[in-house]
Amino acid sequence: MAKIDLNCDMGESFGAYKLGFDEEIIKYVSSANIACGFHAGDPVVMQRTIRLAKTYGVKVGAHPGYPDLLGFGRRNMAVAATDVKGYLIYQIGALQAFARVEGLELQHVKPHGALYNMAVKDPKLAQAIAEAVRSLDKGLILVVLAGSAWVNIAKEQGLRVAGEAFADRAYSADGSLVPRSQPGAVIKDKKEVAERVIGMIEEGRVKAITGEDVIIKADTICLHGDSPGALELAIHLRSALGDRGIKVVPLEEIVKK
């Protein structure tokens, strides 16, 4: 039986501002990427989201980003590698503390937004992120873009690595994500999304926005929990995967030690 992890970015509310549908979508995923206060989230939201994941038996991971609340972490920043390491250690360490208070350990780390996308094309940044994760806990799984050079960079650091694909994002022919600023970057039709995800899992490929087949080996599929129709998409995708006999399991059951 084929297996896949479904992950979702969560805990991205901030103070009085609510973002996303965490309470609803968490029932349909197996791993939660929890914002750590730099691009979104705050200590109270972090704690609340950890407890929510514990209630539903969903594995938790850190979702660190650039210090960019105003831009939601989606703006490129010129940051020295040593600073990036400090940013990640600070954020992951904070979430580790909240998790341990609840009797949990972090399963994974998935960088957010611009930090993630820049690391796909910048080996030095990818290296810095991998080194930061390793310095905290070699047992953590680092989630990176499937098929990117980042996969090997992280493995060279001795980390467990999960290749990630995106359910509702369009791909360029080189395997990178189409920038959100371009038309068609986000796919909204839930049936099309489900068909693409099943193709990734069963055939190891996805159609690029320009028509080419992109080879992709995915251990985990990202669902965006803050977009319109996110809950309906999550429900439909879980149903479609079940109909194909594809089992949804946490990352730690796919990426072994």
C-alpha atoms as a PDB file:
ATOM      1  CA  MET A   1       0.000   0.000   0.000  1.00  0.00           C
ATOM      2  CA  ALA A   2       1.318   3.429  -0.944  1.00  0.00           C
ATOM      3  CA  LYS A   3       1.886   5.869   1.911  1.00  0.00           C
ATOM      4  CA  ILE A   4       2.119   9.647   2.051  1.00  0.00           C
ATOM      5  CA  ASP A   5       2.338  12.333   4.728  1.00  0.00           C
ATOM      6  CA  LEU A   6       0.040  15.355   4.516  1.00  0.00           C
ATOM      7  CA  ASN A   7       1.472  18.449   6.147  1.00  0.00           C
ATOM      8  CA  CYS A   8      -0.100  21.837   6.752  1.00  0.00           C
ATOM      9  CA  ASP A   9       1.260  25.192   7.911  1.00  0.00           C
ATOM     10  CA  MET A  10      -0.488  26.135  11.152  1.00  0.00           C
ATOM     11  CA  GLY A  11      -0.307  28.467  14.115  1.00  0.00           C
ATOM     12  CA  GLU A  12      -0.052  31.513  11.877  1.00  0.00           C
ATOM     13  CA  SER A  13      -2.500  33.685  13.805  1.00  0.00           C
ATOM     14  CA  PHE A  14      -0.976  36.591  15.726  1.00  0.00           C
ATOM     15  CA  GLY A  15      -2.415  38.281  18.789  1.00  0.00           C
ATOM     16  CA  ALA A  16      -5.946  39.418  17.954  1.00  0.00           C
ATOM     17  CA  TYR A  17      -5.553  38.447  14.290  1.00  0.00           C
ATOM     18  CA  LYS A  18      -6.771  35.000  13.238  1.00  0.00           C
ATOM     19  CA  LEU A  19      -5.412  33.322  10.135  1.00  0.00           C
ATOM     20  CA  GLY A  20      -6.219  29.907   8.712  1.00  0.00           C
ATOM     21  CA  PHE A  21      -8.555  27.091   9.676  1.00  0.00           C
ATOM     22  CA  ASP A  22      -6.341  25.137  12.044  1.00  0.00           C
ATOM     23  CA  GLU A  23      -9.100  23.630  14.173  1.00  0.00           C
ATOM     24  CA  GLU A  24     -10.906  22.254  11.132  1.00  0.00           C
ATOM     25  CA  ILE A  25      -8.041  21.153   8.876  1.00  0.00           C
ATOM     26  CA  ILE A  26      -5.944  19.431  11.540  1.00  0.00           C
ATOM     27  CA  LYS A  27      -8.394  16.503  11.416  1.00  0.00           C
ATOM     28  CA  TYR A  28      -7.264  15.709   7.863  1.00  0.00           C
ATOM     29  CA  VAL A  29      -3.451  15.982   8.065  1.00  0.00           C
ATOM     30  CA  SER A  30      -0.724  13.891   9.667  1.00  0.00           C
ATOM     31  CA  SER A  31       1.940  16.554  10.311  1.00  0.00           C
ATOM     32  CA  ALA A  32       1.610  20.185  11.432  1.00  0.00           C
ATOM     33  CA  ASN A  33       4.204  22.865  10.644  1.00  0.00           C
ATOM     34  CA  ILE A  34       3.849  25.409  13.443  1.00  0.00           C
ATOM     35  CA  ALA A  35       4.920  29.031  12.955  1.00  0.00           C
ATOM     36  CA  CYS A  36       7.502  30.165  15.483  1.00  0.00           C
ATOM     37  CA  GLY A  37       6.901  33.902  15.812  1.00  0.00           C
ATOM     38  CA  PHE A  38       9.121  35.411  13.122  1.00  0.00           C
ATOM     39  CA  HIS A  39       6.802  35.448  10.094  1.00  0.00           C
ATOM     40  CA  ALA A  40       3.624  34.646  12.038  1.00  0.00           C
ATOM     41  CA  GLY A  41       2.450  33.203  15.319  1.00  0.00           C
ATOM     42  CA  ASP A  42       3.224  34.217  18.888  1.00  0.00           C
ATOM     43  CA  PRO A  43       3.915  32.320  22.132  1.00  0.00           C
ATOM     44  CA  VAL A  44       0.230  31.873  22.996  1.00  0.00           C
ATOM     45  CA  VAL A  45      -0.625  30.694  19.486  1.00  0.00           C
ATOM     46  CA  MET A  46       2.360  28.341  19.471  1.00  0.00           C
ATOM     47  CA  GLN A  47       1.254  26.730  22.730  1.00  0.00           C
ATOM     48  CA  ARG A  48      -2.361  26.495  21.617  1.00  0.00           C
ATOM     49  CA  THR A  49      -1.430  24.890  18.308  1.00  0.00           C
ATOM     50  CA  ILE A  50       0.846  22.345  19.998  1.00  0.00           C
ATOM     51  CA  ARG A  51      -2.063  21.353  22.239  1.00  0.00           C
ATOM     52  CA  LEU A  52      -4.426  21.142  19.265  1.00  0.00           C
ATOM     53  CA  ALA A  53      -2.038  18.793  17.454  1.00  0.00           C
ATOM     54  CA  LYS A  54      -1.686  16.668  20.579  1.00  0.00           C
ATOM     55  CA  THR A  55      -5.458  16.340  20.863  1.00  0.00           C
ATOM     56  CA  TYR A  56      -5.724  14.942  17.333  1.00  0.00           C
ATOM     57  CA  GLY A  57      -2.540  12.849  17.400  1.00  0.00           C
ATOM     58  CA  VAL A  58      -0.878  14.939  14.690  1.00  0.00           C
ATOM     59  CA  LYS A  59       2.923  15.110  14.687  1.00  0.00           C
ATOM     60  CA  VAL A  60       4.420  18.561  15.156  1.00  0.00           C
ATOM     61  CA  GLY A  61       7.263  20.377  13.466  1.00  0.00           C
ATOM     62  CA  ALA A  62       8.780  23.850  13.462  1.00  0.00           C
ATOM     63  CA  HIS A  63       7.991  26.281  10.653  1.00  0.00           C
ATOM     64  CA  PRO A  64      10.686  28.957  10.999  1.00  0.00           C
ATOM     65  CA  GLY A  65      10.965  31.922   8.651  1.00  0.00           C
ATOM     66  CA  TYR A  66      12.607  35.255   8.131  1.00  0.00           C
ATOM     67  CA  PRO A  67      11.823  38.012  10.689  1.00  0.00           C
ATOM     68  CA  ASP A  68       9.136  39.491   8.456  1.00  0.00           C
ATOM     69  CA  LEU A  69       5.727  39.808  10.107  1.00  0.00           C
ATOM     70  CA  LEU A  70       4.655  42.580   7.738  1.00  0.00           C
ATOM     71  CA  GLY A  71       5.432  40.491   4.662  1.00  0.00           C
ATOM     72  CA  PHE A  72       4.352  37.167   6.170  1.00  0.00           C
ATOM     73  CA  GLY A  73       7.858  35.849   5.535  1.00  0.00           C
ATOM     74  CA  ARG A  74       7.379  35.892   1.774  1.00  0.00           C
ATOM     75  CA  ARG A  75       9.824  38.709   1.010  1.00  0.00           C
ATOM     76  CA  ASN A  76      13.381  37.809   0.045  1.00  0.00           C
ATOM     77  CA  MET A  77      15.963  39.005   2.538  1.00  0.00           C
ATOM     78  CA  ALA A  78      19.741  39.310   2.301  1.00  0.00           C
ATOM     79  CA  VAL A  79      20.895  37.599   5.490  1.00  0.00           C
ATOM     80  CA  ALA A  80      24.319  36.190   6.374  1.00  0.00           C
ATOM     81  CA  ALA A  81      24.494  32.420   6.854  1.00  0.00           C
ATOM     82  CA  THR A  82      25.522  32.812  10.501  1.00  0.00           C
ATOM     83  CA  ASP A  83      22.457  34.958  11.130  1.00  0.00           C
ATOM     84  CA  VAL A  84      20.188  32.421   9.443  1.00  0.00           C
ATOM     85  CA  LYS A  85      21.509  29.735  11.779  1.00  0.00           C
ATOM     86  CA  GLY A  86      20.734  31.935  14.768  1.00  0.00           C
ATOM     87  CA  TYR A  87      17.240  32.679  13.499  1.00  0.00           C
ATOM     88  CA  LEU A  88      16.488  28.973  13.126  1.00  0.00           C
ATOM     89  CA  ILE A  89      17.969  27.874  16.448  1.00  0.00           C
ATOM     90  CA  TYR A  90      15.964  30.576  18.219  1.00  0.00           C
ATOM     91  CA  GLN A  91      12.666  29.640  16.576  1.00  0.00           C
ATOM     92  CA  ILE A  92      13.006  25.853  16.639  1.00  0.00           C
ATOM     93  CA  GLY A  93      14.249  25.951  20.220  1.00  0.00           C
ATOM     94  CA  ALA A  94      11.214  27.938  21.322  1.00  0.00           C
ATOM     95  CA  LEU A  95       8.812  25.454  19.752  1.00  0.00           C
ATOM     96  CA  GLN A  96      10.782  22.536  21.210  1.00  0.00           C
ATOM     97  CA  ALA A  97      10.194  24.013  24.653  1.00  0.00           C
ATOM     98  CA  PHE A  98       6.436  24.308  24.153  1.00  0.00           C
ATOM     99  CA  ALA A  99       6.297  20.760  22.776  1.00  0.00           C
ATOM    100  CA  ARG A 100       8.199  19.287  25.699  1.00  0.00           C
ATOM    101  CA  VAL A 101       5.924  20.992  28.215  1.00  0.00           C
ATOM    102  CA  GLU A 102       3.104  19.033  26.548  1.00  0.00           C
ATOM    103  CA  GLY A 103       5.098  15.786  26.601  1.00  0.00           C
ATOM    104  CA  LEU A 104       5.880  15.889  22.861  1.00  0.00           C
ATOM    105  CA  GLU A 105       9.023  15.989  20.730  1.00  0.00           C
ATOM    106  CA  LEU A 106       9.339  17.726  17.391  1.00  0.00           C
ATOM    107  CA  GLN A 107       9.219  15.444  14.366  1.00  0.00           C
ATOM    108  CA  HIS A 108      10.460  17.822  11.690  1.00  0.00           C
ATOM    109  CA  VAL A 109      11.489  21.283  10.537  1.00  0.00           C
ATOM    110  CA  LYS A 110      10.082  22.944   7.443  1.00  0.00           C
ATOM    111  CA  PRO A 111      11.344  26.449   6.609  1.00  0.00           C
ATOM    112  CA  HIS A 112       8.719  28.947   5.533  1.00  0.00           C
ATOM    113  CA  GLY A 113       8.116  31.111   2.499  1.00  0.00           C
ATOM    114  CA  ALA A 114      11.048  33.093   1.139  1.00  0.00           C
ATOM    115  CA  LEU A 115      13.530  31.276   3.370  1.00  0.00           C
ATOM    116  CA  TYR A 116      12.417  27.954   1.857  1.00  0.00           C
ATOM    117  CA  ASN A 117      12.277  29.183  -1.739  1.00  0.00           C
ATOM    118  CA  MET A 118      15.642  30.940  -1.583  1.00  0.00           C
ATOM    119  CA  ALA A 119      17.294  27.838  -0.099  1.00  0.00           C
ATOM    120  CA  VAL A 120      16.106  25.802  -3.085  1.00  0.00           C
ATOM    121  CA  LYS A 121      18.375  27.871  -5.350  1.00  0.00           C
ATOM    122  CA  ASP A 122      21.085  28.980  -2.891  1.00  0.00           C
ATOM    123  CA  PRO A 123      23.374  26.135  -1.720  1.00  0.00           C
ATOM    124  CA  LYS A 124      24.972  28.274   1.008  1.00  0.00           C
ATOM    125  CA  LEU A 125      21.591  29.088   2.495  1.00  0.00           C
ATOM    126  CA  ALA A 126      20.491  25.447   2.227  1.00  0.00           C
ATOM    127  CA  GLN A 127      23.706  24.447   4.002  1.00  0.00           C
ATOM    128  CA  ALA A 128      23.163  26.976   6.790  1.00  0.00           C
ATOM    129  CA  ILE A 129      19.630  25.714   7.423  1.00  0.00           C
ATOM    130  CA  ALA A 130      20.778  22.090   7.512  1.00  0.00           C
ATOM    131  CA  GLU A 131      23.609  22.935   9.914  1.00  0.00           C
ATOM    132  CA  ALA A 132      21.220  24.773  12.246  1.00  0.00           C
ATOM    133  CA  VAL A 133      18.835  21.818  12.370  1.00  0.00           C
ATOM    134  CA  ARG A 134      21.672  19.348  12.930  1.00  0.00           C
ATOM    135  CA  SER A 135      23.096  21.455  15.762  1.00  0.00           C
ATOM    136  CA  LEU A 136      19.790  21.215  17.622  1.00  0.00           C
ATOM    137  CA  ASP A 137      18.794  17.611  16.997  1.00  0.00           C
ATOM    138  CA  LYS A 138      20.164  15.206  14.390  1.00  0.00           C
ATOM    139  CA  GLY A 139      16.980  13.194  14.684  1.00  0.00           C
ATOM    140  CA  LEU A 140      14.795  15.946  13.232  1.00  0.00           C
ATOM    141  CA  ILE A 141      13.512  15.454   9.700  1.00  0.00           C
ATOM    142  CA  LEU A 142      14.231  18.422   7.407  1.00  0.00           C
ATOM    143  CA  VAL A 143      11.471  19.029   4.883  1.00  0.00           C
ATOM    144  CA  VAL A 144      12.772  20.376   1.560  1.00  0.00           C
ATOM    145  CA  LEU A 145      11.518  20.738  -2.011  1.00  0.00           C
ATOM    146  CA  ALA A 146      11.468  17.312  -3.654  1.00  0.00           C
ATOM    147  CA  GLY A 147      13.979  17.002  -6.496  1.00  0.00           C
ATOM    148  CA  SER A 148      16.025  20.038  -5.489  1.00  0.00           C
ATOM    149  CA  ALA A 149      19.762  20.115  -4.759  1.00  0.00           C
ATOM    150  CA  TRP A 150      18.802  20.878  -1.164  1.00  0.00           C
ATOM    151  CA  VAL A 151      17.951  17.194  -0.679  1.00  0.00           C
ATOM    152  CA  ASN A 152      21.576  16.086  -1.077  1.00  0.00           C
ATOM    153  CA  ILE A 153      22.948  19.076   0.845  1.00  0.00           C
ATOM    154  CA  ALA A 154      20.846  18.118   3.867  1.00  0.00           C
ATOM    155  CA  LYS A 155      21.698  14.431   3.575  1.00  0.00           C
ATOM    156  CA  GLU A 156      25.402  15.301   3.555  1.00  0.00           C
ATOM    157  CA  GLN A 157      24.837  16.832   6.990  1.00  0.00           C
ATOM    158  CA  GLY A 158      23.583  13.461   8.212  1.00  0.00           C
ATOM    159  CA  LEU A 159      19.973  14.566   8.460  1.00  0.00           C
ATOM    160  CA  ARG A 160      16.856  12.646   7.623  1.00  0.00           C
ATOM    161  CA  VAL A 161      15.295  14.430   4.667  1.00  0.00           C
ATOM    162  CA  ALA A 162      11.714  14.486   3.404  1.00  0.00           C
ATOM    163  CA  GLY A 163      11.026  15.544  -0.171  1.00  0.00           C
ATOM    164  CA  GLU A 164       7.989  17.798  -0.289  1.00  0.00           C
ATOM    165  CA  ALA A 165       5.500  18.443  -3.056  1.00  0.00           C
ATOM    166  CA  PHE A 166       2.712  21.004  -3.095  1.00  0.00           C
ATOM    167  CA  ALA A 167      -0.898  20.045  -3.677  1.00  0.00           C
ATOM    168  CA  ASP A 168      -2.183  23.395  -4.886  1.00  0.00           C
ATOM    169  CA  ARG A 169       0.897  25.054  -6.398  1.00  0.00           C
ATOM    170  CA  ALA A 170       1.945  25.064 -10.040  1.00  0.00           C
ATOM    171  CA  TYR A 171       5.443  23.894 -10.993  1.00  0.00           C
ATOM    172  CA  SER A 172       7.943  25.314 -13.445  1.00  0.00           C
ATOM    173  CA  ALA A 173       9.738  22.983 -15.859  1.00  0.00           C
ATOM    174  CA  ASP A 174      12.848  22.998 -13.615  1.00  0.00           C
ATOM    175  CA  GLY A 175      10.853  21.633 -10.681  1.00  0.00           C
ATOM    176  CA  SER A 176      10.632  24.921  -8.795  1.00  0.00           C
ATOM    177  CA  LEU A 177       7.356  26.482  -7.724  1.00  0.00           C
ATOM    178  CA  VAL A 178       5.787  29.121  -9.951  1.00  0.00           C
ATOM    179  CA  PRO A 179       5.965  32.440  -8.020  1.00  0.00           C
ATOM    180  CA  ARG A 180       2.676  33.441  -6.448  1.00  0.00           C
ATOM    181  CA  SER A 181       2.822  36.717  -8.348  1.00  0.00           C
ATOM    182  CA  GLN A 182       2.279  34.881 -11.647  1.00  0.00           C
ATOM    183  CA  PRO A 183      -1.150  33.852 -13.001  1.00  0.00           C
ATOM    184  CA  GLY A 184      -1.960  30.180 -12.400  1.00  0.00           C
ATOM    185  CA  ALA A 185       0.535  29.792  -9.556  1.00  0.00           C
ATOM    186  CA  VAL A 186      -2.160  28.567  -7.173  1.00  0.00           C
ATOM    187  CA  ILE A 187      -4.505  25.786  -8.328  1.00  0.00           C
ATOM    188  CA  LYS A 188      -7.989  26.152  -6.870  1.00  0.00           C
ATOM    189  CA  ASP A 189      -9.964  23.295  -8.435  1.00  0.00           C
ATOM    190  CA  LYS A 190     -10.080  20.530  -5.818  1.00  0.00           C
ATOM    191  CA  LYS A 191     -10.532  17.728  -8.367  1.00  0.00           C
ATOM    192  CA  GLU A 192      -7.500  18.900 -10.328  1.00  0.00           C
ATOM    193  CA  VAL A 193      -5.480  19.149  -7.120  1.00  0.00           C
ATOM    194  CA  ALA A 194      -6.407  15.598  -6.117  1.00  0.00           C
ATOM    195  CA  GLU A 195      -5.513  14.228  -9.560  1.00  0.00           C
ATOM    196  CA  ARG A 196      -2.125  15.969  -9.447  1.00  0.00           C
ATOM    197  CA  VAL A 197      -1.351  14.625  -5.975  1.00  0.00           C
ATOM    198  CA  ILE A 198      -2.284  11.076  -6.938  1.00  0.00           C
ATOM    199  CA  GLY A 199      -0.049  11.375 -10.005  1.00  0.00           C
ATOM    200  CA  MET A 200       2.841  12.505  -7.824  1.00  0.00           C
ATOM    201  CA  ILE A 201       2.404   9.532  -5.494  1.00  0.00           C
ATOM    202  CA  GLU A 202       1.651   6.782  -8.013  1.00  0.00           C
ATOM    203  CA  GLU A 203       3.636   7.943 -11.065  1.00  0.00           C
ATOM    204  CA  GLY A 204       6.321  10.158  -9.509  1.00  0.00           C
ATOM    205  CA  ARG A 205       5.591  13.071 -11.812  1.00  0.00           C
ATOM    206  CA  VAL A 206       3.565  16.250 -12.177  1.00  0.00           C
ATOM    207  CA  LYS A 207       2.726  18.438 -15.154  1.00  0.00           C
ATOM    208  CA  ALA A 208       4.564  21.777 -15.252  1.00  0.00           C
ATOM    209  CA  ILE A 209       2.657  24.968 -16.016  1.00  0.00           C
ATOM    210  CA  THR A 210       4.306  24.935 -19.450  1.00  0.00           C
ATOM    211  CA  GLY A 211       3.241  21.350 -20.160  1.00  0.00           C
ATOM    212  CA  GLU A 212       6.410  19.358 -19.455  1.00  0.00           C
ATOM    213  CA  ASP A 213       6.451  16.376 -17.082  1.00  0.00           C
ATOM    214  CA  VAL A 214       8.446  17.078 -13.929  1.00  0.00           C
ATOM    215  CA  ILE A 215       9.865  14.029 -12.140  1.00  0.00           C
ATOM    216  CA  ILE A 216       9.099  14.249  -8.447  1.00  0.00           C
ATOM    217  CA  LYS A 217       9.618  11.908  -5.477  1.00  0.00           C
ATOM    218  CA  ALA A 218       7.444  13.112  -2.651  1.00  0.00           C
ATOM    219  CA  ASP A 219       7.422  11.890   0.943  1.00  0.00           C
ATOM    220  CA  THR A 220       5.008  14.601   2.049  1.00  0.00           C
ATOM    221  CA  ILE A 221       2.380  16.791   0.413  1.00  0.00           C
ATOM    222  CA  CYS A 222       1.753  20.334   1.630  1.00  0.00           C
ATOM    223  CA  LEU A 223      -1.768  21.666   2.058  1.00  0.00           C
ATOM    224  CA  HIS A 224      -2.133  25.402   2.583  1.00  0.00           C
ATOM    225  CA  GLY A 225      -4.527  25.970   5.451  1.00  0.00           C
ATOM    226  CA  ASP A 226      -5.018  29.726   4.971  1.00  0.00           C
ATOM    227  CA  SER A 227      -6.391  29.806   1.430  1.00  0.00           C
ATOM    228  CA  PRO A 228     -10.094  30.039   0.503  1.00  0.00           C
ATOM    229  CA  GLY A 229     -11.617  26.577   0.185  1.00  0.00           C
ATOM    230  CA  ALA A 230      -8.759  24.989   2.148  1.00  0.00           C
ATOM    231  CA  LEU A 231     -11.038  22.827   4.284  1.00  0.00           C
ATOM    232  CA  GLU A 232     -13.035  21.557   1.308  1.00  0.00           C
ATOM    233  CA  LEU A 233      -9.780  20.751  -0.482  1.00  0.00           C
ATOM    234  CA  ALA A 234      -8.437  18.826   2.511  1.00  0.00           C
ATOM    235  CA  ILE A 235     -11.619  16.789   2.831  1.00  0.00           C
ATOM    236  CA  HIS A 236     -11.736  16.012  -0.890  1.00  0.00           C
ATOM    237  CA  LEU A 237      -8.059  15.048  -1.024  1.00  0.00           C
ATOM    238  CA  ARG A 238      -8.296  12.667   1.932  1.00  0.00           C
ATOM    239  CA  SER A 239     -11.311  11.030   0.322  1.00  0.00           C
ATOM    240  CA  ALA A 240      -9.561  10.716  -3.050  1.00  0.00           C
ATOM    241  CA  LEU A 241      -6.450   9.206  -1.461  1.00  0.00           C
ATOM    242  CA  GLY A 242      -8.581   6.724   0.470  1.00  0.00           C
ATOM    243  CA  ASP A 243     -10.375   5.699  -2.717  1.00  0.00           C
ATOM    244  CA  ARG A 244      -6.976   4.894  -4.299  1.00  0.00           C
ATOM    245  CA  GLY A 245      -5.830   2.896  -1.274  1.00  0.00           C
ATOM    246  CA  ILE A 246      -3.159   5.453  -0.373  1.00  0.00           C
ATOM    247  CA  LYS A 247      -2.571   5.589   3.375  1.00  0.00           C
ATOM    248  CA  VAL A 248      -1.893   8.917   5.115  1.00  0.00           C
ATOM    249  CA  VAL A 249       0.773   8.540   7.816  1.00  0.00           C
ATOM    250  CA  PRO A 250       3.175  10.864   9.703  1.00  0.00           C
ATOM    251  CA  LEU A 251       6.581  11.604   8.210  1.00  0.00           C
ATOM    252  CA  GLU A 252       8.406   9.525  10.784  1.00  0.00           C
ATOM    253  CA  GLU A 253       6.730   6.431   9.334  1.00  0.00           C
ATOM    254  CA  ILE A 254       8.049   7.243   5.858  1.00  0.00           C
ATOM    255  CA  VAL A 255      11.507   8.703   6.499  1.00  0.00           C
ATOM    256  CA  LYS A 256      13.083   6.097   8.749  1.00  0.00           C
ATOM    257  CA  LYS A 257      16.076   6.616  11.033  1.00  0.00           C
END
